[in-house]
């Protein structure tokens, strides 16, 4: 029974479950340590309540919206309601995988100070100075202007929508493409989260001083650095953006000319807005390249295991390919 449940999951779902279990172990095992660090009794449970509250409000509306979109598109294209239901269920599985991702992200953000006290910004700054001759954000400071700040802020925020637009684009091509892309993206995220623990970095916007202020979007939530996210190395904006370009080149090449300028703007925005060091972005690019090389084999291996474990399982990839053509 358990074997069937495990192998009914696609690769991107399976790594999400594993990461969530690991986050759960960290949450319970180090909860008391986090409480002591923050000087508040049951602090980790209040954090848990905040996360649950966010999802309790957000998830029902998101699912309802997704259902309306899928069934609306299906009606417009005159697809059968059964086909629309299959699409909705697969979309829901993708949505839940990203919900797990965000839960893991929140746990990592709160627990990094417990698992690795201190920050390593000084180390990254020295690497930047060695590679680029100075801090990249200092080199870009003469370019500062209101219109460029607005443009690059928009580009940085657009990353979120582009991430999901790329999933939709992969689904239009075929489910196998979407499944592999999802595995690559989530794998990059989870590897990045592990790096946050070993190399906690809060970014140049918090640690360097500038003659020209941008009014940038690097948010200072609190004066206590224990609560500032130590999530800069590697830059996952950069890693996932590079992955988008790689997978569009593989499966939807005619969109490449649209993706490349957007990718350049997003990556440049991470530096100009003083969110990341140059080394963060280089590490993100390297992570994307490595993940793009590993994922096809990992995805293929998992699919072979699924077919061996579930020999009578209907080939869902053919369903989605038929529905999206």
C-alpha atoms as a PDB file:
ATOM      1  CA  UNK A   1       0.000   0.000   0.000  1.00  0.00           C
ATOM      2  CA  UNK A   2       2.738   2.460   1.007  1.00  0.00           C
ATOM      3  CA  UNK A   3       4.727   1.540  -2.081  1.00  0.00           C
ATOM      4  CA  UNK A   4       1.764   2.356  -4.308  1.00  0.00           C
ATOM      5  CA  UNK A   5       1.247   5.691  -2.590  1.00  0.00           C
ATOM      6  CA  UNK A   6       4.927   6.618  -2.956  1.00  0.00           C
ATOM      7  CA  UNK A   7       5.147   5.667  -6.603  1.00  0.00           C
ATOM      8  CA  UNK A   8       1.880   7.390  -7.441  1.00  0.00           C
ATOM      9  CA  UNK A   9       3.800  10.624  -6.831  1.00  0.00           C
ATOM     10  CA  UNK A  10       5.742  12.330  -9.561  1.00  0.00           C
ATOM     11  CA  UNK A  11       9.357  13.209  -8.917  1.00  0.00           C
ATOM     12  CA  UNK A  12       8.673  16.828  -8.005  1.00  0.00           C
ATOM     13  CA  UNK A  13       6.031  15.702  -5.488  1.00  0.00           C
ATOM     14  CA  UNK A  14       8.278  13.082  -3.927  1.00  0.00           C
ATOM     15  CA  UNK A  15      11.179  15.462  -3.220  1.00  0.00           C
ATOM     16  CA  UNK A  16       8.655  17.912  -1.766  1.00  0.00           C
ATOM     17  CA  UNK A  17       7.408  15.284   0.666  1.00  0.00           C
ATOM     18  CA  UNK A  18      10.973  14.385   1.682  1.00  0.00           C
ATOM     19  CA  UNK A  19      11.881  18.058   2.201  1.00  0.00           C
ATOM     20  CA  UNK A  20       8.729  18.646   4.243  1.00  0.00           C
ATOM     21  CA  UNK A  21       9.508  15.675   6.494  1.00  0.00           C
ATOM     22  CA  UNK A  22      13.036  17.025   7.014  1.00  0.00           C
ATOM     23  CA  UNK A  23      11.606  20.462   7.850  1.00  0.00           C
ATOM     24  CA  UNK A  24       9.234  18.830  10.338  1.00  0.00           C
ATOM     25  CA  UNK A  25      12.135  17.103  12.098  1.00  0.00           C
ATOM     26  CA  UNK A  26      13.993  20.426  12.333  1.00  0.00           C
ATOM     27  CA  UNK A  27      10.864  22.214  13.592  1.00  0.00           C
ATOM     28  CA  UNK A  28      10.269  19.809  16.484  1.00  0.00           C
ATOM     29  CA  UNK A  29      13.860  18.921  17.347  1.00  0.00           C
ATOM     30  CA  UNK A  30      15.160  22.493  17.465  1.00  0.00           C
ATOM     31  CA  UNK A  31      11.962  24.232  18.604  1.00  0.00           C
ATOM     32  CA  UNK A  32      13.156  24.768  22.179  1.00  0.00           C
ATOM     33  CA  UNK A  33      16.491  26.103  20.914  1.00  0.00           C
ATOM     34  CA  UNK A  34      14.686  28.640  18.730  1.00  0.00           C
ATOM     35  CA  UNK A  35      12.546  29.711  21.698  1.00  0.00           C
ATOM     36  CA  UNK A  36      15.681  30.313  23.782  1.00  0.00           C
ATOM     37  CA  UNK A  37      17.371  32.215  20.979  1.00  0.00           C
ATOM     38  CA  UNK A  38      14.387  34.508  20.499  1.00  0.00           C
ATOM     39  CA  UNK A  39      13.825  34.848  24.243  1.00  0.00           C
ATOM     40  CA  UNK A  40      10.151  33.940  23.932  1.00  0.00           C
ATOM     41  CA  UNK A  41       8.445  30.844  25.271  1.00  0.00           C
ATOM     42  CA  UNK A  42       6.663  28.784  22.578  1.00  0.00           C
ATOM     43  CA  UNK A  43       7.936  31.139  19.882  1.00  0.00           C
ATOM     44  CA  UNK A  44       8.193  28.303  17.337  1.00  0.00           C
ATOM     45  CA  UNK A  45       4.533  27.417  17.877  1.00  0.00           C
ATOM     46  CA  UNK A  46       3.510  31.028  17.248  1.00  0.00           C
ATOM     47  CA  UNK A  47       5.512  30.884  14.039  1.00  0.00           C
ATOM     48  CA  UNK A  48       3.648  27.699  13.140  1.00  0.00           C
ATOM     49  CA  UNK A  49       0.301  29.393  13.833  1.00  0.00           C
ATOM     50  CA  UNK A  50       1.216  32.287  11.536  1.00  0.00           C
ATOM     51  CA  UNK A  51       2.082  29.906   8.696  1.00  0.00           C
ATOM     52  CA  UNK A  52      -1.130  27.903   9.181  1.00  0.00           C
ATOM     53  CA  UNK A  53      -3.158  31.113   9.277  1.00  0.00           C
ATOM     54  CA  UNK A  54      -1.689  32.315   5.989  1.00  0.00           C
ATOM     55  CA  UNK A  55      -2.469  29.057   4.223  1.00  0.00           C
ATOM     56  CA  UNK A  56      -5.906  28.696   5.786  1.00  0.00           C
ATOM     57  CA  UNK A  57      -6.868  32.042   4.266  1.00  0.00           C
ATOM     58  CA  UNK A  58      -5.060  31.674   0.959  1.00  0.00           C
ATOM     59  CA  UNK A  59      -5.481  28.060  -0.174  1.00  0.00           C
ATOM     60  CA  UNK A  60      -9.311  27.885  -0.486  1.00  0.00           C
ATOM     61  CA  UNK A  61      -9.407  31.038  -2.620  1.00  0.00           C
ATOM     62  CA  UNK A  62      -6.507  29.852  -4.778  1.00  0.00           C
ATOM     63  CA  UNK A  63      -8.113  26.452  -5.391  1.00  0.00           C
ATOM     64  CA  UNK A  64     -11.475  28.048  -6.215  1.00  0.00           C
ATOM     65  CA  UNK A  65      -9.804  30.463  -8.625  1.00  0.00           C
ATOM     66  CA  UNK A  66      -7.866  27.648 -10.286  1.00  0.00           C
ATOM     67  CA  UNK A  67     -11.031  25.595 -10.703  1.00  0.00           C
ATOM     68  CA  UNK A  68     -12.843  28.503 -12.334  1.00  0.00           C
ATOM     69  CA  UNK A  69      -9.946  29.125 -14.730  1.00  0.00           C
ATOM     70  CA  UNK A  70      -9.601  25.474 -15.762  1.00  0.00           C
ATOM     71  CA  UNK A  71     -13.306  24.868 -16.254  1.00  0.00           C
ATOM     72  CA  UNK A  72     -13.736  28.225 -17.973  1.00  0.00           C
ATOM     73  CA  UNK A  73     -10.982  27.444 -20.460  1.00  0.00           C
ATOM     74  CA  UNK A  74     -12.346  23.937 -20.957  1.00  0.00           C
ATOM     75  CA  UNK A  75     -15.830  25.255 -21.723  1.00  0.00           C
ATOM     76  CA  UNK A  76     -14.462  27.812 -24.133  1.00  0.00           C
ATOM     77  CA  UNK A  77     -12.483  25.108 -25.932  1.00  0.00           C
ATOM     78  CA  UNK A  78     -15.442  22.688 -25.667  1.00  0.00           C
ATOM     79  CA  UNK A  79     -13.568  20.022 -23.769  1.00  0.00           C
ATOM     80  CA  UNK A  80     -15.360  17.375 -21.793  1.00  0.00           C
ATOM     81  CA  UNK A  81     -15.821  18.063 -18.083  1.00  0.00           C
ATOM     82  CA  UNK A  82     -13.928  14.844 -17.301  1.00  0.00           C
ATOM     83  CA  UNK A  83     -10.894  16.161 -19.184  1.00  0.00           C
ATOM     84  CA  UNK A  84     -11.182  19.492 -17.365  1.00  0.00           C
ATOM     85  CA  UNK A  85     -11.270  17.642 -14.043  1.00  0.00           C
ATOM     86  CA  UNK A  86      -8.046  15.793 -14.887  1.00  0.00           C
ATOM     87  CA  UNK A  87      -6.348  19.065 -15.721  1.00  0.00           C
ATOM     88  CA  UNK A  88      -7.611  20.634 -12.517  1.00  0.00           C
ATOM     89  CA  UNK A  89      -6.365  17.723 -10.394  1.00  0.00           C
ATOM     90  CA  UNK A  90      -2.911  17.896 -11.951  1.00  0.00           C
ATOM     91  CA  UNK A  91      -2.861  21.658 -11.456  1.00  0.00           C
ATOM     92  CA  UNK A  92      -3.831  21.099  -7.825  1.00  0.00           C
ATOM     93  CA  UNK A  93      -0.931  18.686  -7.389  1.00  0.00           C
ATOM     94  CA  UNK A  94       1.456  21.322  -8.722  1.00  0.00           C
ATOM     95  CA  UNK A  95      -0.076  23.938  -6.446  1.00  0.00           C
ATOM     96  CA  UNK A  96       0.274  21.719  -3.374  1.00  0.00           C
ATOM     97  CA  UNK A  97       3.905  20.978  -4.254  1.00  0.00           C
ATOM     98  CA  UNK A  98       4.610  24.713  -4.133  1.00  0.00           C
ATOM     99  CA  UNK A  99       2.687  25.030  -0.875  1.00  0.00           C
ATOM    100  CA  UNK A 100       5.048  22.464   0.657  1.00  0.00           C
ATOM    101  CA  UNK A 101       7.969  24.400  -0.806  1.00  0.00           C
ATOM    102  CA  UNK A 102       6.870  27.587   0.939  1.00  0.00           C
ATOM    103  CA  UNK A 103       6.382  25.776   4.247  1.00  0.00           C
ATOM    104  CA  UNK A 104       9.934  24.424   4.042  1.00  0.00           C
ATOM    105  CA  UNK A 105      11.176  27.907   3.128  1.00  0.00           C
ATOM    106  CA  UNK A 106       9.527  29.425   6.201  1.00  0.00           C
ATOM    107  CA  UNK A 107      10.972  26.788   8.515  1.00  0.00           C
ATOM    108  CA  UNK A 108      14.460  27.258   7.045  1.00  0.00           C
ATOM    109  CA  UNK A 109      14.217  31.044   7.401  1.00  0.00           C
ATOM    110  CA  UNK A 110      13.346  30.837  11.072  1.00  0.00           C
ATOM    111  CA  UNK A 111      15.753  28.056  11.997  1.00  0.00           C
ATOM    112  CA  UNK A 112      18.957  29.066  10.186  1.00  0.00           C
ATOM    113  CA  UNK A 113      20.119  31.173  13.195  1.00  0.00           C
ATOM    114  CA  UNK A 114      19.763  28.062  15.359  1.00  0.00           C
ATOM    115  CA  UNK A 115      21.470  25.690  12.951  1.00  0.00           C
ATOM    116  CA  UNK A 116      24.234  28.109  11.951  1.00  0.00           C
ATOM    117  CA  UNK A 117      24.618  31.168  14.198  1.00  0.00           C
ATOM    118  CA  UNK A 118      26.135  34.260  12.635  1.00  0.00           C
ATOM    119  CA  UNK A 119      26.269  35.436   9.038  1.00  0.00           C
ATOM    120  CA  UNK A 120      28.866  34.907   6.335  1.00  0.00           C
ATOM    121  CA  UNK A 121      28.417  38.165   4.414  1.00  0.00           C
ATOM    122  CA  UNK A 122      32.020  39.205   5.067  1.00  0.00           C
ATOM    123  CA  UNK A 123      33.241  36.048   3.322  1.00  0.00           C
ATOM    124  CA  UNK A 124      31.043  36.660   0.276  1.00  0.00           C
ATOM    125  CA  UNK A 125      32.129  40.305   0.177  1.00  0.00           C
ATOM    126  CA  UNK A 126      35.782  39.254   0.044  1.00  0.00           C
ATOM    127  CA  UNK A 127      35.020  36.844  -2.793  1.00  0.00           C
ATOM    128  CA  UNK A 128      33.174  39.601  -4.667  1.00  0.00           C
ATOM    129  CA  UNK A 129      36.097  41.990  -4.220  1.00  0.00           C
ATOM    130  CA  UNK A 130      38.487  39.319  -5.514  1.00  0.00           C
ATOM    131  CA  UNK A 131      36.375  38.463  -8.589  1.00  0.00           C
ATOM    132  CA  UNK A 132      34.994  41.881  -9.525  1.00  0.00           C
ATOM    133  CA  UNK A 133      37.521  44.244  -7.963  1.00  0.00           C
ATOM    134  CA  UNK A 134      34.853  45.761  -5.703  1.00  0.00           C
ATOM    135  CA  UNK A 135      31.360  45.093  -4.411  1.00  0.00           C
ATOM    136  CA  UNK A 136      29.078  44.771  -7.439  1.00  0.00           C
ATOM    137  CA  UNK A 137      26.449  47.005  -5.877  1.00  0.00           C
ATOM    138  CA  UNK A 138      29.096  49.731  -5.464  1.00  0.00           C
ATOM    139  CA  UNK A 139      30.055  49.368  -9.118  1.00  0.00           C
ATOM    140  CA  UNK A 140      26.415  49.793 -10.127  1.00  0.00           C
ATOM    141  CA  UNK A 141      25.759  52.750  -7.823  1.00  0.00           C
ATOM    142  CA  UNK A 142      26.506  55.420 -10.497  1.00  0.00           C
ATOM    143  CA  UNK A 143      23.661  53.982 -12.595  1.00  0.00           C
ATOM    144  CA  UNK A 144      21.068  54.655  -9.891  1.00  0.00           C
ATOM    145  CA  UNK A 145      17.975  56.503 -11.118  1.00  0.00           C
ATOM    146  CA  UNK A 146      14.273  56.486 -10.310  1.00  0.00           C
ATOM    147  CA  UNK A 147      13.171  55.080 -13.660  1.00  0.00           C
ATOM    148  CA  UNK A 148      15.754  52.265 -13.585  1.00  0.00           C
ATOM    149  CA  UNK A 149      14.861  51.399 -10.006  1.00  0.00           C
ATOM    150  CA  UNK A 150      11.172  51.197 -10.941  1.00  0.00           C
ATOM    151  CA  UNK A 151      11.916  49.107 -14.030  1.00  0.00           C
ATOM    152  CA  UNK A 152      14.122  46.636 -12.201  1.00  0.00           C
ATOM    153  CA  UNK A 153      11.787  46.410  -9.215  1.00  0.00           C
ATOM    154  CA  UNK A 154       9.052  45.399 -11.653  1.00  0.00           C
ATOM    155  CA  UNK A 155      11.397  42.888 -13.276  1.00  0.00           C
ATOM    156  CA  UNK A 156      12.355  41.398  -9.906  1.00  0.00           C
ATOM    157  CA  UNK A 157       8.720  40.981  -8.869  1.00  0.00           C
ATOM    158  CA  UNK A 158       7.782  39.562 -12.286  1.00  0.00           C
ATOM    159  CA  UNK A 159       9.958  36.528 -11.538  1.00  0.00           C
ATOM    160  CA  UNK A 160       7.128  35.028  -9.484  1.00  0.00           C
ATOM    161  CA  UNK A 161       4.641  35.223 -12.339  1.00  0.00           C
ATOM    162  CA  UNK A 162       7.189  34.091 -14.916  1.00  0.00           C
ATOM    163  CA  UNK A 163       7.899  30.995 -12.840  1.00  0.00           C
ATOM    164  CA  UNK A 164       4.271  29.862 -13.099  1.00  0.00           C
ATOM    165  CA  UNK A 165       3.880  31.060 -16.685  1.00  0.00           C
ATOM    166  CA  UNK A 166       6.743  28.713 -17.560  1.00  0.00           C
ATOM    167  CA  UNK A 167       4.925  25.807 -15.905  1.00  0.00           C
ATOM    168  CA  UNK A 168       1.875  26.610 -18.059  1.00  0.00           C
ATOM    169  CA  UNK A 169       4.068  26.808 -21.154  1.00  0.00           C
ATOM    170  CA  UNK A 170       5.606  23.413 -20.400  1.00  0.00           C
ATOM    171  CA  UNK A 171       2.135  21.924 -19.870  1.00  0.00           C
ATOM    172  CA  UNK A 172       1.039  23.224 -23.242  1.00  0.00           C
ATOM    173  CA  UNK A 173       3.920  21.320 -24.807  1.00  0.00           C
ATOM    174  CA  UNK A 174       3.458  18.063 -22.902  1.00  0.00           C
ATOM    175  CA  UNK A 175       3.156  16.787 -19.383  1.00  0.00           C
ATOM    176  CA  UNK A 176       6.581  15.147 -19.425  1.00  0.00           C
ATOM    177  CA  UNK A 177       8.169  18.534 -20.087  1.00  0.00           C
ATOM    178  CA  UNK A 178       6.221  20.125 -17.242  1.00  0.00           C
ATOM    179  CA  UNK A 179       7.027  17.283 -14.844  1.00  0.00           C
ATOM    180  CA  UNK A 180      10.751  17.472 -15.560  1.00  0.00           C
ATOM    181  CA  UNK A 181      10.780  21.271 -15.323  1.00  0.00           C
ATOM    182  CA  UNK A 182       8.948  21.141 -11.998  1.00  0.00           C
ATOM    183  CA  UNK A 183      11.437  18.604 -10.666  1.00  0.00           C
ATOM    184  CA  UNK A 184      14.358  20.790 -11.787  1.00  0.00           C
ATOM    185  CA  UNK A 185      12.911  23.940 -10.243  1.00  0.00           C
ATOM    186  CA  UNK A 186      11.989  22.371  -6.911  1.00  0.00           C
ATOM    187  CA  UNK A 187      15.312  20.551  -6.736  1.00  0.00           C
ATOM    188  CA  UNK A 188      17.096  23.899  -7.199  1.00  0.00           C
ATOM    189  CA  UNK A 189      14.980  25.446  -4.461  1.00  0.00           C
ATOM    190  CA  UNK A 190      15.641  22.662  -1.960  1.00  0.00           C
ATOM    191  CA  UNK A 191      19.382  22.537  -2.664  1.00  0.00           C
ATOM    192  CA  UNK A 192      19.412  26.306  -2.220  1.00  0.00           C
ATOM    193  CA  UNK A 193      17.677  25.995   1.149  1.00  0.00           C
ATOM    194  CA  UNK A 194      20.378  23.599   2.331  1.00  0.00           C
ATOM    195  CA  UNK A 195      22.982  26.147   1.233  1.00  0.00           C
ATOM    196  CA  UNK A 196      21.210  28.815   3.304  1.00  0.00           C
ATOM    197  CA  UNK A 197      21.952  26.732   6.399  1.00  0.00           C
ATOM    198  CA  UNK A 198      25.640  26.254   5.618  1.00  0.00           C
ATOM    199  CA  UNK A 199      26.274  29.745   4.188  1.00  0.00           C
ATOM    200  CA  UNK A 200      23.842  32.181   5.861  1.00  0.00           C
ATOM    201  CA  UNK A 201      23.974  35.534   4.053  1.00  0.00           C
ATOM    202  CA  UNK A 202      21.607  38.487   4.427  1.00  0.00           C
ATOM    203  CA  UNK A 203      22.785  40.529   1.443  1.00  0.00           C
ATOM    204  CA  UNK A 204      24.444  43.863   0.620  1.00  0.00           C
ATOM    205  CA  UNK A 205      21.305  45.884   1.313  1.00  0.00           C
ATOM    206  CA  UNK A 206      21.761  45.135   5.020  1.00  0.00           C
ATOM    207  CA  UNK A 207      25.531  45.100   5.368  1.00  0.00           C
ATOM    208  CA  UNK A 208      26.954  47.797   3.082  1.00  0.00           C
ATOM    209  CA  UNK A 209      26.556  51.580   3.154  1.00  0.00           C
ATOM    210  CA  UNK A 210      25.700  53.588   0.035  1.00  0.00           C
ATOM    211  CA  UNK A 211      26.002  57.235  -0.921  1.00  0.00           C
ATOM    212  CA  UNK A 212      22.976  56.879  -3.192  1.00  0.00           C
ATOM    213  CA  UNK A 213      19.817  55.338  -1.764  1.00  0.00           C
ATOM    214  CA  UNK A 214      17.471  53.441  -4.053  1.00  0.00           C
ATOM    215  CA  UNK A 215      14.445  53.045  -1.836  1.00  0.00           C
ATOM    216  CA  UNK A 216      14.947  49.433  -2.893  1.00  0.00           C
ATOM    217  CA  UNK A 217      12.799  46.430  -2.124  1.00  0.00           C
ATOM    218  CA  UNK A 218      15.237  44.585   0.133  1.00  0.00           C
ATOM    219  CA  UNK A 219      12.879  44.643   3.148  1.00  0.00           C
ATOM    220  CA  UNK A 220      14.077  45.466   6.652  1.00  0.00           C
ATOM    221  CA  UNK A 221      11.408  43.708   8.693  1.00  0.00           C
ATOM    222  CA  UNK A 222      13.098  44.284  12.015  1.00  0.00           C
ATOM    223  CA  UNK A 223      16.219  45.719  13.586  1.00  0.00           C
ATOM    224  CA  UNK A 224      17.018  42.258  14.959  1.00  0.00           C
ATOM    225  CA  UNK A 225      19.133  40.373  12.459  1.00  0.00           C
ATOM    226  CA  UNK A 226      17.964  37.126  13.967  1.00  0.00           C
ATOM    227  CA  UNK A 227      14.748  37.702  12.055  1.00  0.00           C
ATOM    228  CA  UNK A 228      16.169  38.907   8.745  1.00  0.00           C
ATOM    229  CA  UNK A 229      16.095  36.116   6.183  1.00  0.00           C
ATOM    230  CA  UNK A 230      19.535  34.622   5.632  1.00  0.00           C
ATOM    231  CA  UNK A 231      18.603  33.474   2.165  1.00  0.00           C
ATOM    232  CA  UNK A 232      20.995  35.060  -0.322  1.00  0.00           C
ATOM    233  CA  UNK A 233      23.538  32.357  -1.158  1.00  0.00           C
ATOM    234  CA  UNK A 234      22.904  31.115  -3.753  1.00  0.00           C
ATOM    235  CA  UNK A 235      20.496  33.465  -5.510  1.00  0.00           C
ATOM    236  CA  UNK A 236      17.472  31.315  -6.245  1.00  0.00           C
ATOM    237  CA  UNK A 237      15.965  34.102  -8.342  1.00  0.00           C
ATOM    238  CA  UNK A 238      18.992  33.658 -10.588  1.00  0.00           C
ATOM    239  CA  UNK A 239      19.034  29.857 -10.434  1.00  0.00           C
ATOM    240  CA  UNK A 240      15.369  29.414 -11.318  1.00  0.00           C
ATOM    241  CA  UNK A 241      15.502  32.135 -13.982  1.00  0.00           C
ATOM    242  CA  UNK A 242      18.399  30.383 -15.703  1.00  0.00           C
ATOM    243  CA  UNK A 243      16.465  27.106 -15.432  1.00  0.00           C
ATOM    244  CA  UNK A 244      13.480  28.761 -17.128  1.00  0.00           C
ATOM    245  CA  UNK A 245      15.686  29.755 -20.063  1.00  0.00           C
ATOM    246  CA  UNK A 246      17.256  26.293 -20.285  1.00  0.00           C
ATOM    247  CA  UNK A 247      13.897  24.506 -20.311  1.00  0.00           C
ATOM    248  CA  UNK A 248      12.324  26.938 -22.740  1.00  0.00           C
ATOM    249  CA  UNK A 249      15.299  26.306 -25.029  1.00  0.00           C
ATOM    250  CA  UNK A 250      14.698  22.554 -24.705  1.00  0.00           C
ATOM    251  CA  UNK A 251      10.933  22.371 -25.072  1.00  0.00           C
ATOM    252  CA  UNK A 252       9.592  25.722 -26.368  1.00  0.00           C
ATOM    253  CA  UNK A 253      12.410  27.255 -28.391  1.00  0.00           C
ATOM    254  CA  UNK A 254      10.259  29.800 -30.215  1.00  0.00           C
ATOM    255  CA  UNK A 255       9.695  31.559 -26.860  1.00  0.00           C
ATOM    256  CA  UNK A 256      13.421  31.913 -26.201  1.00  0.00           C
ATOM    257  CA  UNK A 257      13.715  35.427 -27.614  1.00  0.00           C
ATOM    258  CA  UNK A 258      11.031  36.587 -25.181  1.00  0.00           C
ATOM    259  CA  UNK A 259      12.609  34.858 -22.185  1.00  0.00           C
ATOM    260  CA  UNK A 260      16.213  35.974 -22.585  1.00  0.00           C
ATOM    261  CA  UNK A 261      15.599  39.747 -22.104  1.00  0.00           C
ATOM    262  CA  UNK A 262      13.339  39.054 -19.116  1.00  0.00           C
ATOM    263  CA  UNK A 263      15.959  36.757 -17.595  1.00  0.00           C
ATOM    264  CA  UNK A 264      18.694  39.360 -18.033  1.00  0.00           C
ATOM    265  CA  UNK A 265      16.549  42.019 -16.341  1.00  0.00           C
ATOM    266  CA  UNK A 266      15.649  39.758 -13.399  1.00  0.00           C
ATOM    267  CA  UNK A 267      19.246  38.737 -12.755  1.00  0.00           C
ATOM    268  CA  UNK A 268      20.527  42.306 -13.140  1.00  0.00           C
ATOM    269  CA  UNK A 269      17.788  43.473 -10.746  1.00  0.00           C
ATOM    270  CA  UNK A 270      19.104  41.203  -7.976  1.00  0.00           C
ATOM    271  CA  UNK A 271      22.409  43.095  -8.121  1.00  0.00           C
ATOM    272  CA  UNK A 272      21.191  46.621  -8.802  1.00  0.00           C
ATOM    273  CA  UNK A 273      18.572  46.483  -6.029  1.00  0.00           C
ATOM    274  CA  UNK A 274      21.281  45.344  -3.583  1.00  0.00           C
ATOM    275  CA  UNK A 275      19.512  42.099  -2.770  1.00  0.00           C
ATOM    276  CA  UNK A 276      22.370  39.805  -3.813  1.00  0.00           C
ATOM    277  CA  UNK A 277      26.133  39.845  -4.141  1.00  0.00           C
ATOM    278  CA  UNK A 278      27.731  38.955  -7.450  1.00  0.00           C
ATOM    279  CA  UNK A 279      28.940  35.696  -5.915  1.00  0.00           C
ATOM    280  CA  UNK A 280      25.339  34.806  -5.010  1.00  0.00           C
ATOM    281  CA  UNK A 281      24.354  35.133  -8.653  1.00  0.00           C
ATOM    282  CA  UNK A 282      27.341  33.153  -9.916  1.00  0.00           C
ATOM    283  CA  UNK A 283      26.474  30.378  -7.462  1.00  0.00           C
ATOM    284  CA  UNK A 284      22.851  30.502  -8.632  1.00  0.00           C
ATOM    285  CA  UNK A 285      23.910  30.138 -12.259  1.00  0.00           C
ATOM    286  CA  UNK A 286      26.163  27.208 -11.401  1.00  0.00           C
ATOM    287  CA  UNK A 287      23.357  25.561  -9.427  1.00  0.00           C
ATOM    288  CA  UNK A 288      20.981  25.946 -12.394  1.00  0.00           C
ATOM    289  CA  UNK A 289      23.450  24.388 -14.829  1.00  0.00           C
ATOM    290  CA  UNK A 290      24.164  21.433 -12.525  1.00  0.00           C
ATOM    291  CA  UNK A 291      20.473  20.845 -11.823  1.00  0.00           C
ATOM    292  CA  UNK A 292      19.639  21.006 -15.542  1.00  0.00           C
ATOM    293  CA  UNK A 293      22.243  18.316 -16.176  1.00  0.00           C
ATOM    294  CA  UNK A 294      21.126  16.021 -13.358  1.00  0.00           C
ATOM    295  CA  UNK A 295      17.345  16.382 -13.630  1.00  0.00           C
ATOM    296  CA  UNK A 296      16.686  14.560 -16.942  1.00  0.00           C
ATOM    297  CA  UNK A 297      18.403  11.432 -15.626  1.00  0.00           C
ATOM    298  CA  UNK A 298      16.798  11.734 -12.205  1.00  0.00           C
ATOM    299  CA  UNK A 299      13.366  12.248 -13.751  1.00  0.00           C
ATOM    300  CA  UNK A 300      13.841   9.314 -16.122  1.00  0.00           C
ATOM    301  CA  UNK A 301      15.041   7.057 -13.300  1.00  0.00           C
ATOM    302  CA  UNK A 302      12.024   7.917 -11.156  1.00  0.00           C
ATOM    303  CA  UNK A 303       9.572   7.352 -14.011  1.00  0.00           C
ATOM    304  CA  UNK A 304      11.082   3.920 -14.712  1.00  0.00           C
ATOM    305  CA  UNK A 305      10.717   3.043 -11.033  1.00  0.00           C
ATOM    306  CA  UNK A 306       7.085   4.214 -11.089  1.00  0.00           C
ATOM    307  CA  UNK A 307       6.231   2.107 -14.115  1.00  0.00           C
ATOM    308  CA  UNK A 308       7.879  -0.955 -12.591  1.00  0.00           C
ATOM    309  CA  UNK A 309       6.010  -0.456  -9.306  1.00  0.00           C
ATOM    310  CA  UNK A 310       2.676   0.351 -10.967  1.00  0.00           C
ATOM    311  CA  UNK A 311       2.663  -1.770 -14.137  1.00  0.00           C
ATOM    312  CA  UNK A 312      -1.059  -1.357 -14.685  1.00  0.00           C
ATOM    313  CA  UNK A 313      -1.108   2.392 -14.116  1.00  0.00           C
ATOM    314  CA  UNK A 314      -2.555   4.280 -17.076  1.00  0.00           C
ATOM    315  CA  UNK A 315      -0.050   6.483 -18.934  1.00  0.00           C
ATOM    316  CA  UNK A 316      -1.084   9.906 -17.655  1.00  0.00           C
ATOM    317  CA  UNK A 317       1.413  11.705 -19.871  1.00  0.00           C
ATOM    318  CA  UNK A 318      -0.621  10.690 -22.913  1.00  0.00           C
ATOM    319  CA  UNK A 319      -3.775  12.123 -21.305  1.00  0.00           C
ATOM    320  CA  UNK A 320      -2.238  15.519 -20.700  1.00  0.00           C
ATOM    321  CA  UNK A 321      -0.516  15.595 -24.067  1.00  0.00           C
ATOM    322  CA  UNK A 322      -3.890  14.936 -25.695  1.00  0.00           C
ATOM    323  CA  UNK A 323      -5.675  17.503 -23.549  1.00  0.00           C
ATOM    324  CA  UNK A 324      -3.205  20.302 -24.218  1.00  0.00           C
ATOM    325  CA  UNK A 325      -2.922  19.898 -27.987  1.00  0.00           C
END
